[in-house]
Protein backbone atom coordinates (compact mmCIF):
# COMPACT_ATOMS: atom_id res chain seq x y z
CA UNK A 1 0.45 -0.27 -0.39
CA UNK A 2 0.71 3.63 -1.02
CA UNK A 3 1.12 5.80 1.69
CA UNK A 4 0.66 10.08 1.10
CA UNK A 5 3.02 11.59 4.71
CA UNK A 6 1.48 15.90 4.07
CA UNK A 7 3.69 17.60 6.51
CA UNK A 8 1.31 20.92 7.06
CA UNK A 9 -2.21 21.85 8.57
CA UNK A 10 -2.31 24.82 7.06
CA UNK A 11 -5.01 25.55 4.43
CA UNK A 12 -2.49 23.73 1.24
CA UNK A 13 -2.33 20.64 3.53
CA UNK A 14 -6.07 20.52 4.75
CA UNK A 15 -6.50 20.47 0.87
CA UNK A 16 -4.37 18.83 0.08
CA UNK A 17 -5.60 15.35 2.24
CA UNK A 18 -9.53 16.79 1.11
CA UNK A 19 -9.11 16.08 -2.27
CA UNK A 20 -6.33 13.17 -2.16
CA UNK A 21 -8.89 10.89 -0.24
CA UNK A 22 -11.70 12.79 -2.10
CA UNK A 23 -9.42 10.70 -5.78
CA UNK A 24 -10.33 7.37 -4.33
CA UNK A 25 -6.97 6.85 -4.56
CA UNK A 26 -6.70 2.23 -4.59
CA UNK A 27 -4.79 1.49 -1.53
CA UNK A 28 -3.46 4.76 -0.61
CA UNK A 29 -3.47 5.10 2.87
CA UNK A 30 -3.51 9.33 3.15
CA UNK A 31 -1.65 11.28 6.77
CA UNK A 32 -1.61 14.33 7.48
CA UNK A 33 1.18 15.61 10.00
CA UNK A 34 0.74 18.47 12.61
CA UNK A 35 1.60 19.74 15.70
CA UNK A 36 -1.87 20.95 16.31
CA UNK A 37 -5.33 19.11 16.89
CA UNK A 38 -7.05 21.87 15.15
CA UNK A 39 -7.07 24.47 12.19
CA UNK A 40 -7.07 27.26 12.64
CA UNK A 41 -9.58 29.94 9.79
CA UNK A 42 -7.98 32.57 9.54
CA UNK A 43 -9.73 34.34 7.15
CA UNK A 44 -12.43 34.32 9.82
CA UNK A 45 -11.57 36.62 12.38
CA UNK A 46 -13.26 39.51 11.32
CA UNK A 47 -15.49 37.79 13.20
CA UNK A 48 -14.01 37.91 16.83
CA UNK A 49 -15.09 41.52 16.31
CA UNK A 50 -18.18 40.77 15.60
CA UNK A 51 -18.76 38.36 19.10
CA UNK A 52 -17.36 34.96 17.99
CA UNK A 53 -14.83 33.64 20.62
CA UNK A 54 -11.00 32.34 19.28
CA UNK A 55 -11.75 28.98 19.92
CA UNK A 56 -15.00 29.03 17.53
CA UNK A 57 -13.33 29.22 14.53
CA UNK A 58 -10.07 26.36 15.18
CA UNK A 59 -12.09 23.33 13.49
CA UNK A 60 -10.59 19.85 14.58
CA UNK A 61 -8.91 18.26 11.91
CA UNK A 62 -11.14 14.86 13.39
CA UNK A 63 -13.36 16.90 12.78
CA UNK A 64 -12.62 17.44 8.73
CA UNK A 65 -11.48 14.43 8.38
CA UNK A 66 -14.64 12.89 9.03
CA UNK A 67 -15.38 9.72 6.93
CA UNK A 68 -12.34 10.39 4.57
CA UNK A 69 -10.21 7.26 6.14
CA UNK A 70 -6.77 10.61 6.26
CA UNK A 71 -5.38 10.09 9.49
CA UNK A 72 -4.13 13.05 11.36
CA UNK A 73 -1.30 12.56 13.13
CA UNK A 74 -0.34 15.03 16.20
CA UNK A 75 3.34 15.93 15.67
CA UNK A 76 6.05 17.84 14.18
CA UNK A 77 8.37 16.24 12.21
CA UNK A 78 12.72 16.68 13.13
CA UNK A 79 13.76 15.45 9.68
CA UNK A 80 13.09 13.76 6.50
CA UNK A 81 15.16 11.18 4.46
């Protein structure tokens, strides 16, 4: 089985992971590696001025990746070989 590892949980990493999962590549495992457990939705920061809390703009990766088969690994990458 092939294994795709995406380093970084920002917009690019999450989009790449979700798009690969939607492509339904057979025999491929997708893992997203990031030290955080949630995705910060920066375009929504203006909502803080209207009473939203910071927590309402942080979306857990588990919620984003529900039913996609994507594995979220909460750790830092220290080297690549």
